[in-house]
N, C-alpha and C. Protein backbone atom coordinates (compact mmCIF):
# COMPACT_ATOMS: atom_id res chain seq x y z
N MET A 1 -0.27 24.50 -1.26
CA MET A 1 1.07 23.92 -1.34
C MET A 1 1.69 25.14 -1.07
N THR A 2 3.03 25.06 -0.68
CA THR A 2 3.84 26.19 -0.54
C THR A 2 5.17 25.63 -1.51
N THR A 3 5.69 26.71 -1.14
CA THR A 3 6.75 26.82 -2.57
C THR A 3 8.72 27.46 -2.06
N SER A 4 9.02 26.29 -1.64
CA SER A 4 10.24 27.03 -1.01
C SER A 4 11.86 27.79 -2.45
N PHE A 5 11.90 28.81 -2.26
CA PHE A 5 13.35 28.88 -2.87
C PHE A 5 14.41 29.06 -1.98
N ASN A 6 15.08 28.29 -2.36
CA ASN A 6 16.06 28.10 -1.78
C ASN A 6 17.67 29.25 -3.03
N LYS A 7 17.58 30.43 -2.25
CA LYS A 7 18.75 31.11 -2.62
C LYS A 7 19.27 31.11 -2.30
N GLU A 8 21.18 31.16 -3.08
CA GLU A 8 22.35 31.27 -2.23
C GLU A 8 22.01 32.73 -2.35
N LYS A 9 22.90 32.60 -0.49
CA LYS A 9 23.22 34.05 -0.34
C LYS A 9 24.47 34.46 -0.64
N LYS A 10 24.83 35.92 -1.17
CA LYS A 10 25.69 36.19 -1.62
C LYS A 10 26.44 36.86 -1.00
N VAL A 11 28.02 37.54 -1.09
CA VAL A 11 29.00 38.57 -0.25
C VAL A 11 28.71 39.95 -1.56
N VAL A 12 28.26 40.77 -1.24
CA VAL A 12 28.14 41.82 -2.18
C VAL A 12 29.03 42.74 -1.96
N GLU A 13 29.86 43.45 -2.40
CA GLU A 13 30.38 44.68 -1.95
C GLU A 13 29.28 46.49 -2.07
N ALA A 14 29.57 47.22 -0.59
CA ALA A 14 29.26 47.72 -0.82
C ALA A 14 29.11 49.16 -1.62
N VAL A 15 29.89 49.16 -1.82
CA VAL A 15 30.82 50.18 -3.15
C VAL A 15 31.82 49.25 -3.69
N PRO A 16 30.89 49.02 -5.13
CA PRO A 16 31.75 48.48 -5.77
C PRO A 16 32.92 48.80 -6.09
N GLY A 17 33.93 48.03 -6.04
CA GLY A 17 35.43 48.07 -6.52
C GLY A 17 36.39 48.94 -5.24
N ALA A 18 35.67 49.44 -4.49
CA ALA A 18 36.49 50.30 -3.71
C ALA A 18 37.71 49.34 -2.91
N PHE A 19 37.70 48.23 -2.68
CA PHE A 19 38.88 47.21 -2.18
C PHE A 19 39.24 46.16 -3.38
N GLU A 20 40.46 45.66 -2.94
CA GLU A 20 40.77 44.37 -3.11
C GLU A 20 41.14 43.54 -2.48
N ILE A 21 41.55 42.65 -2.53
CA ILE A 21 41.95 41.60 -1.35
C ILE A 21 42.53 40.84 -2.30
N GLU A 22 44.12 40.74 -1.73
CA GLU A 22 45.42 40.01 -2.17
C GLU A 22 46.16 39.39 -0.98
N ASN A 23 46.51 38.02 -1.44
CA ASN A 23 47.14 37.29 -0.47
C ASN A 23 46.48 37.57 0.77
N GLY A 24 45.69 37.50 1.34
CA GLY A 24 44.39 37.38 2.23
C GLY A 24 43.90 38.80 2.45
N HIS A 25 44.77 40.03 2.73
CA HIS A 25 45.33 41.50 2.89
C HIS A 25 43.84 42.26 1.74
N PRO A 26 42.64 43.26 2.84
CA PRO A 26 42.38 44.00 1.81
C PRO A 26 42.94 44.96 2.04
N TYR A 27 43.05 45.63 0.09
CA TYR A 27 43.81 46.92 -0.07
C TYR A 27 42.79 47.90 -0.57
N LEU A 28 42.57 49.19 -0.20
CA LEU A 28 41.74 50.29 -0.74
C LEU A 28 42.31 50.60 -2.51
N VAL A 29 41.10 50.46 -2.82
CA VAL A 29 41.39 50.77 -4.81
C VAL A 29 41.12 52.24 -5.31
N GLY A 30 41.87 53.02 -5.17
CA GLY A 30 41.99 54.80 -5.70
C GLY A 30 42.38 54.62 -6.88
N THR A 31 43.00 56.30 -7.31
CA THR A 31 43.79 56.52 -8.33
C THR A 31 45.12 56.94 -7.86
N LYS A 32 46.00 57.32 -8.68
CA LYS A 32 47.35 58.47 -8.45
C LYS A 32 47.07 58.67 -9.96
N CYS A 33 47.74 59.65 -9.62
CA CYS A 33 48.40 60.78 -11.09
C CYS A 33 49.98 60.60 -11.37
N SER A 34 50.45 59.96 -12.88
CA SER A 34 51.59 59.86 -12.75
C SER A 34 52.62 61.06 -12.91
N LYS A 35 51.53 61.87 -13.27
CA LYS A 35 52.60 63.19 -13.59
C LYS A 35 53.49 63.50 -11.96
N CYS A 36 52.34 63.66 -10.80
CA CYS A 36 53.01 64.70 -9.59
C CYS A 36 52.82 63.16 -8.64
N GLY A 37 52.16 62.57 -8.81
CA GLY A 37 52.05 61.25 -7.72
C GLY A 37 50.96 61.24 -6.68
N ALA A 38 50.26 62.11 -6.85
CA ALA A 38 49.00 62.42 -5.81
C ALA A 38 48.15 61.23 -5.93
N ALA A 39 47.55 60.84 -4.74
CA ALA A 39 46.84 59.85 -4.59
C ALA A 39 45.30 59.96 -3.85
N TYR A 40 44.05 59.76 -4.51
CA TYR A 40 43.07 59.66 -4.67
C TYR A 40 42.53 58.42 -3.99
N PHE A 41 41.38 58.51 -2.53
CA PHE A 41 40.40 57.76 -2.71
C PHE A 41 39.12 58.44 -1.86
N PRO A 42 38.12 58.31 -2.49
CA PRO A 42 37.97 57.36 -3.53
C PRO A 42 38.77 58.39 -5.08
N PRO A 43 38.35 57.06 -5.83
CA PRO A 43 39.06 57.53 -7.14
C PRO A 43 38.77 58.79 -7.51
N ARG A 44 39.21 59.83 -8.30
CA ARG A 44 39.43 60.82 -9.41
C ARG A 44 39.53 60.33 -10.57
N TYR A 45 39.42 61.25 -11.26
CA TYR A 45 39.77 61.45 -13.00
C TYR A 45 40.19 62.57 -13.30
N ILE A 46 40.66 63.35 -12.26
CA ILE A 46 41.40 64.70 -13.06
C ILE A 46 41.60 65.10 -11.36
N CYS A 47 43.64 65.22 -11.43
CA CYS A 47 44.19 65.67 -10.27
C CYS A 47 44.15 66.87 -9.73
N THR A 48 43.98 67.30 -8.52
CA THR A 48 43.51 68.85 -8.45
C THR A 48 44.53 69.27 -7.85
N TYR A 49 45.90 68.50 -7.73
CA TYR A 49 47.13 69.48 -7.56
C TYR A 49 47.72 69.89 -8.78
N CYS A 50 47.98 68.79 -9.79
CA CYS A 50 48.63 69.72 -10.83
C CYS A 50 47.66 70.02 -11.80
N LEU A 51 46.13 69.34 -11.72
CA LEU A 51 45.09 70.08 -12.49
C LEU A 51 45.12 69.28 -13.84
N THR A 52 45.49 67.86 -13.68
CA THR A 52 45.93 67.13 -15.03
C THR A 52 44.88 66.16 -15.08
N ASP A 53 43.90 65.79 -16.52
CA ASP A 53 43.45 64.64 -16.66
C ASP A 53 43.74 63.27 -17.34
N GLU A 54 45.25 63.77 -17.72
CA GLU A 54 46.10 62.73 -18.38
C GLU A 54 46.95 62.06 -17.28
N GLY A 55 46.68 60.61 -17.41
CA GLY A 55 47.91 59.90 -16.85
C GLY A 55 47.21 59.41 -14.79
N ILE A 56 46.06 59.45 -14.94
CA ILE A 56 44.84 59.44 -14.07
C ILE A 56 45.07 57.60 -14.18
N GLU A 57 45.53 57.04 -12.90
CA GLU A 57 45.24 55.49 -13.14
C GLU A 57 45.06 54.70 -11.80
N LYS A 58 44.42 53.80 -12.15
CA LYS A 58 43.79 53.31 -10.82
C LYS A 58 45.19 52.46 -10.43
N ALA A 59 44.83 52.39 -9.06
CA ALA A 59 46.16 52.32 -8.15
C ALA A 59 45.48 51.51 -6.43
N ARG A 60 46.25 50.69 -6.00
CA ARG A 60 46.19 49.67 -5.16
C ARG A 60 46.62 50.93 -4.17
N LEU A 61 45.96 51.02 -3.16
CA LEU A 61 46.92 52.41 -1.93
C LEU A 61 46.69 51.10 -0.50
N GLY A 62 47.08 51.79 0.25
CA GLY A 62 47.73 51.45 1.34
C GLY A 62 46.52 50.51 2.12
N ASN A 63 46.60 49.65 3.14
CA ASN A 63 45.90 49.24 4.08
C ASN A 63 46.10 49.10 5.59
N LYS A 64 47.00 50.31 5.72
CA LYS A 64 47.30 50.75 7.32
C LYS A 64 47.15 52.12 7.17
N GLY A 65 46.99 53.00 8.55
CA GLY A 65 47.37 54.05 8.71
C GLY A 65 47.19 54.08 10.26
N LYS A 66 47.48 55.61 10.67
CA LYS A 66 46.59 56.55 11.89
C LYS A 66 45.58 57.31 11.63
N LEU A 67 44.80 57.37 12.71
CA LEU A 67 43.98 57.95 13.32
C LEU A 67 44.04 59.29 13.18
N TYR A 68 43.03 60.17 12.59
CA TYR A 68 43.48 61.55 12.06
C TYR A 68 42.05 62.17 13.16
N SER A 69 41.02 61.61 12.71
CA SER A 69 39.70 61.96 14.12
C SER A 69 38.63 61.05 14.05
N TYR A 70 37.98 61.42 14.60
CA TYR A 70 36.87 60.89 14.89
C TYR A 70 35.84 60.90 16.04
N THR A 71 34.97 59.71 15.96
CA THR A 71 33.12 60.66 16.56
C THR A 71 32.46 59.59 16.65
N VAL A 72 31.79 59.35 18.12
CA VAL A 72 31.00 58.15 18.02
C VAL A 72 29.45 58.75 17.78
N ILE A 73 28.82 58.27 17.30
CA ILE A 73 27.31 58.79 16.91
C ILE A 73 26.49 57.47 17.50
N ASN A 74 25.68 58.64 18.24
CA ASN A 74 24.85 57.64 19.39
C ASN A 74 23.47 58.11 18.78
N VAL A 75 22.89 58.49 17.41
CA VAL A 75 21.94 59.05 16.63
C VAL A 75 21.13 57.37 15.52
N ALA A 76 20.48 56.83 15.30
CA ALA A 76 20.23 55.82 15.23
C ALA A 76 19.83 56.67 13.06
N SER A 77 20.69 55.67 12.40
CA SER A 77 20.46 56.05 10.58
C SER A 77 19.83 55.22 10.13
N LYS A 78 19.02 55.41 9.02
CA LYS A 78 18.60 54.06 8.11
C LYS A 78 19.54 53.18 7.92
N GLU A 79 20.62 52.92 7.86
CA GLU A 79 21.80 51.92 7.55
C GLU A 79 22.10 51.73 8.96
N PHE A 80 22.48 52.51 10.27
CA PHE A 80 23.38 52.04 11.34
C PHE A 80 22.86 52.16 12.89
N ASN A 81 22.54 51.19 13.28
CA ASN A 81 21.96 51.42 14.80
C ASN A 81 23.35 51.64 15.78
N PRO A 82 22.93 52.99 16.48
CA PRO A 82 24.19 53.24 17.14
C PRO A 82 24.34 52.36 18.42
N PRO A 83 25.59 52.58 19.33
CA PRO A 83 25.93 53.54 18.44
C PRO A 83 27.43 52.95 17.82
N TYR A 84 28.04 53.91 16.73
CA TYR A 84 29.30 53.01 15.83
C TYR A 84 29.90 54.52 16.09
N ALA A 85 31.53 54.04 15.88
CA ALA A 85 32.54 54.94 15.32
C ALA A 85 32.68 55.55 13.81
N PHE A 86 33.00 56.34 13.52
CA PHE A 86 33.07 57.09 12.33
C PHE A 86 34.09 58.15 12.50
N GLY A 87 35.61 57.82 11.30
CA GLY A 87 36.18 58.53 11.64
C GLY A 87 37.46 59.38 10.32
N PHE A 88 38.19 59.59 10.10
CA PHE A 88 39.06 60.22 9.26
C PHE A 88 40.47 59.20 9.48
N VAL A 89 40.63 58.33 8.45
CA VAL A 89 42.35 57.53 8.39
C VAL A 89 43.05 58.24 7.75
N ILE A 90 44.71 58.36 8.14
CA ILE A 90 45.45 58.69 7.05
C ILE A 90 46.04 57.46 6.50
N ILE A 91 45.90 57.44 5.26
CA ILE A 91 46.17 55.96 4.43
C ILE A 91 47.67 56.05 4.72
N GLU A 92 48.50 55.30 4.80
CA GLU A 92 50.16 55.02 4.62
C GLU A 92 50.29 53.96 3.30
N PRO A 93 51.17 54.49 2.70
CA PRO A 93 52.13 55.09 2.35
C PRO A 93 52.00 56.58 1.11
N GLU A 94 50.57 56.58 0.96
CA GLU A 94 50.19 57.58 0.69
C GLU A 94 49.65 58.76 1.01
N ASN A 95 49.51 58.84 2.50
CA ASN A 95 49.45 60.06 3.46
C ASN A 95 48.10 60.98 2.73
N ILE A 96 47.26 59.80 2.25
CA ILE A 96 45.92 61.00 2.50
C ILE A 96 44.58 60.43 3.26
N ARG A 97 43.93 61.38 3.22
CA ARG A 97 43.05 61.30 4.56
C ARG A 97 41.84 60.71 4.05
N ILE A 98 41.36 59.36 4.80
CA ILE A 98 39.63 58.76 4.10
C ILE A 98 38.92 58.55 5.12
N PRO A 99 37.86 58.47 4.63
CA PRO A 99 36.43 58.40 5.68
C PRO A 99 35.98 57.48 5.87
N ALA A 100 35.78 56.59 7.05
CA ALA A 100 35.87 55.01 7.55
C ALA A 100 34.59 54.76 8.55
N LEU A 101 34.21 53.83 8.59
CA LEU A 101 33.90 53.23 9.63
C LEU A 101 35.17 52.75 10.63
N LEU A 102 34.63 53.05 11.96
CA LEU A 102 35.52 51.87 12.79
C LEU A 102 35.41 51.07 13.83
N THR A 103 36.43 50.11 13.95
CA THR A 103 35.53 49.01 14.57
C THR A 103 37.24 48.45 15.58
N GLY A 104 36.93 47.63 16.70
CA GLY A 104 38.12 46.89 17.44
C GLY A 104 38.17 47.64 18.67
N PHE A 105 37.61 48.85 18.77
CA PHE A 105 38.26 49.40 20.57
C PHE A 105 36.66 49.27 21.40
N ASN A 106 36.69 49.31 22.31
CA ASN A 106 35.48 49.68 23.13
C ASN A 106 35.03 51.40 22.85
N LEU A 107 34.08 51.68 22.21
CA LEU A 107 33.32 52.65 22.09
C LEU A 107 33.56 54.05 23.81
N SER A 108 33.89 53.29 24.57
CA SER A 108 33.47 53.91 25.60
C SER A 108 35.11 54.30 26.20
N GLU A 109 35.78 53.94 25.27
CA GLU A 109 37.45 53.97 25.56
C GLU A 109 37.85 55.38 24.53
N GLU A 110 38.38 56.04 25.00
CA GLU A 110 38.96 57.48 23.32
C GLU A 110 39.91 57.19 23.66
N LEU A 111 40.16 57.08 21.70
CA LEU A 111 41.59 56.61 20.70
C LEU A 111 42.06 57.93 20.76
N LYS A 112 43.20 57.92 20.71
CA LYS A 112 44.24 59.60 20.68
C LYS A 112 44.37 59.51 19.04
N SER A 113 44.41 60.42 18.56
CA SER A 113 45.03 60.59 17.28
C SER A 113 46.41 60.26 16.78
N GLY A 114 46.75 59.10 15.89
CA GLY A 114 48.17 58.88 16.15
C GLY A 114 47.89 57.45 16.07
N THR A 115 46.66 57.00 16.38
CA THR A 115 46.44 55.69 16.90
C THR A 115 46.78 54.32 16.07
N LYS A 116 47.84 53.38 15.88
CA LYS A 116 47.72 52.90 14.44
C LYS A 116 46.13 52.32 14.56
N MET A 117 46.08 51.87 12.96
CA MET A 117 44.72 51.59 12.24
C MET A 117 45.19 50.59 11.40
N GLU A 118 44.57 49.46 11.13
CA GLU A 118 44.50 48.48 9.78
C GLU A 118 43.27 48.22 9.42
N MET A 119 42.77 48.76 7.73
CA MET A 119 41.86 48.15 7.38
C MET A 119 40.96 46.55 7.43
N VAL A 120 40.13 46.22 7.51
CA VAL A 120 39.63 44.96 7.49
C VAL A 120 37.76 45.19 6.55
N ILE A 121 37.40 43.80 6.28
CA ILE A 121 36.46 43.68 5.46
C ILE A 121 35.68 43.00 6.49
N GLU A 122 34.36 43.82 6.22
CA GLU A 122 33.31 43.54 7.71
C GLU A 122 31.89 43.28 6.83
N LYS A 123 30.83 42.40 7.46
CA LYS A 123 29.45 42.95 6.82
C LYS A 123 28.93 44.09 7.71
N LEU A 124 28.79 44.59 6.72
CA LEU A 124 27.83 45.96 6.60
C LEU A 124 26.18 45.71 6.73
N ARG A 125 25.91 45.28 6.26
CA ARG A 125 24.22 44.67 7.02
C ARG A 125 23.92 43.90 5.84
N ASP A 126 22.61 43.28 5.92
CA ASP A 126 21.95 42.49 4.80
C ASP A 126 21.64 43.71 3.36
N ASP A 127 21.46 43.27 2.66
CA ASP A 127 20.69 44.03 1.41
C ASP A 127 19.34 43.65 1.02
N GLU A 128 18.12 43.89 0.57
CA GLU A 128 16.69 43.56 0.40
C GLU A 128 16.39 42.34 0.19
N GLU A 129 17.47 42.16 -0.97
CA GLU A 129 17.54 40.65 -1.23
C GLU A 129 18.34 39.03 -0.47
N GLY A 130 18.37 39.65 0.93
CA GLY A 130 19.04 39.28 1.85
C GLY A 130 20.59 38.50 1.36
N ASN A 131 21.28 39.49 0.62
CA ASN A 131 22.79 39.51 0.06
C ASN A 131 23.26 40.03 1.38
N GLU A 132 24.60 39.55 1.78
CA GLU A 132 25.28 40.27 2.51
C GLU A 132 26.29 41.33 2.24
N LEU A 133 26.10 42.64 2.06
CA LEU A 133 26.66 43.88 1.72
C LEU A 133 28.37 43.94 3.03
N ALA A 134 29.23 43.77 2.16
CA ALA A 134 30.51 44.04 2.50
C ALA A 134 31.54 44.87 2.38
N THR A 135 31.91 46.06 3.49
CA THR A 135 32.75 47.07 3.26
C THR A 135 34.47 47.14 3.58
N TYR A 136 34.71 47.71 3.56
CA TYR A 136 35.80 48.15 4.39
C TYR A 136 35.41 48.87 5.29
N ILE A 137 36.56 48.48 6.27
CA ILE A 137 36.22 48.78 7.58
C ILE A 137 37.71 48.97 8.55
N ILE A 138 37.91 50.23 9.32
CA ILE A 138 38.70 50.52 9.71
C ILE A 138 39.25 49.79 11.10
N LEU A 139 40.06 49.03 11.44
CA LEU A 139 40.04 48.71 12.94
C LEU A 139 41.22 49.10 13.90
N GLY A 140 40.84 49.35 14.81
CA GLY A 140 41.81 50.09 15.46
C GLY A 140 42.54 49.34 16.20
N ARG A 141 43.79 49.32 16.20
CA ARG A 141 44.69 48.10 16.73
C ARG A 141 45.71 48.96 18.14
N ALA A 142 44.77 50.09 18.38
CA ALA A 142 45.67 49.97 19.83
C ALA A 142 45.86 49.28 21.01
N LYS A 143 44.89 48.55 20.60
CA LYS A 143 44.89 46.91 21.86
C LYS A 143 45.84 45.63 21.50
N LEU A 144 45.76 45.93 20.05
CA LEU A 144 47.02 45.21 19.14
C LEU A 144 48.69 44.85 19.22
N CYS A 145 48.42 46.29 19.48
CA CYS A 145 49.89 46.88 19.29
C CYS A 145 50.45 46.78 20.83
N GLY A 146 50.03 46.94 22.01
CA GLY A 146 50.07 46.67 22.76
C GLY A 146 50.57 48.18 23.87
């Protein structure tokens, strides 16, 4: 006798609370200091600019920015199969640098610092239970912007 388990596959955030989707557009979720206006991602509980722990609030951050720097990784890891691109993007309008996987361009082509980028949500991998882990990934828009 065989037993079949029909488990529904779920989409799970790889980093819970890292992003929200509003009107079909993803946004990073970080924090902002209400005293000096500094923004942070990932969220912080103490402002490193004005050194306060008061007035740090959850904030929806931008979903577009410009490439700061990146590299193409050609070595396998537990989570990723090479080659893949990883870099830093300056998110606007907060002007903060975030680490991110990069997609949407040919890895053999070189992207220039300042290339326009946009956040998307994509499947990272399946977890041990077969659920789809989703994460924010930054899309290189060089081809889309002409």
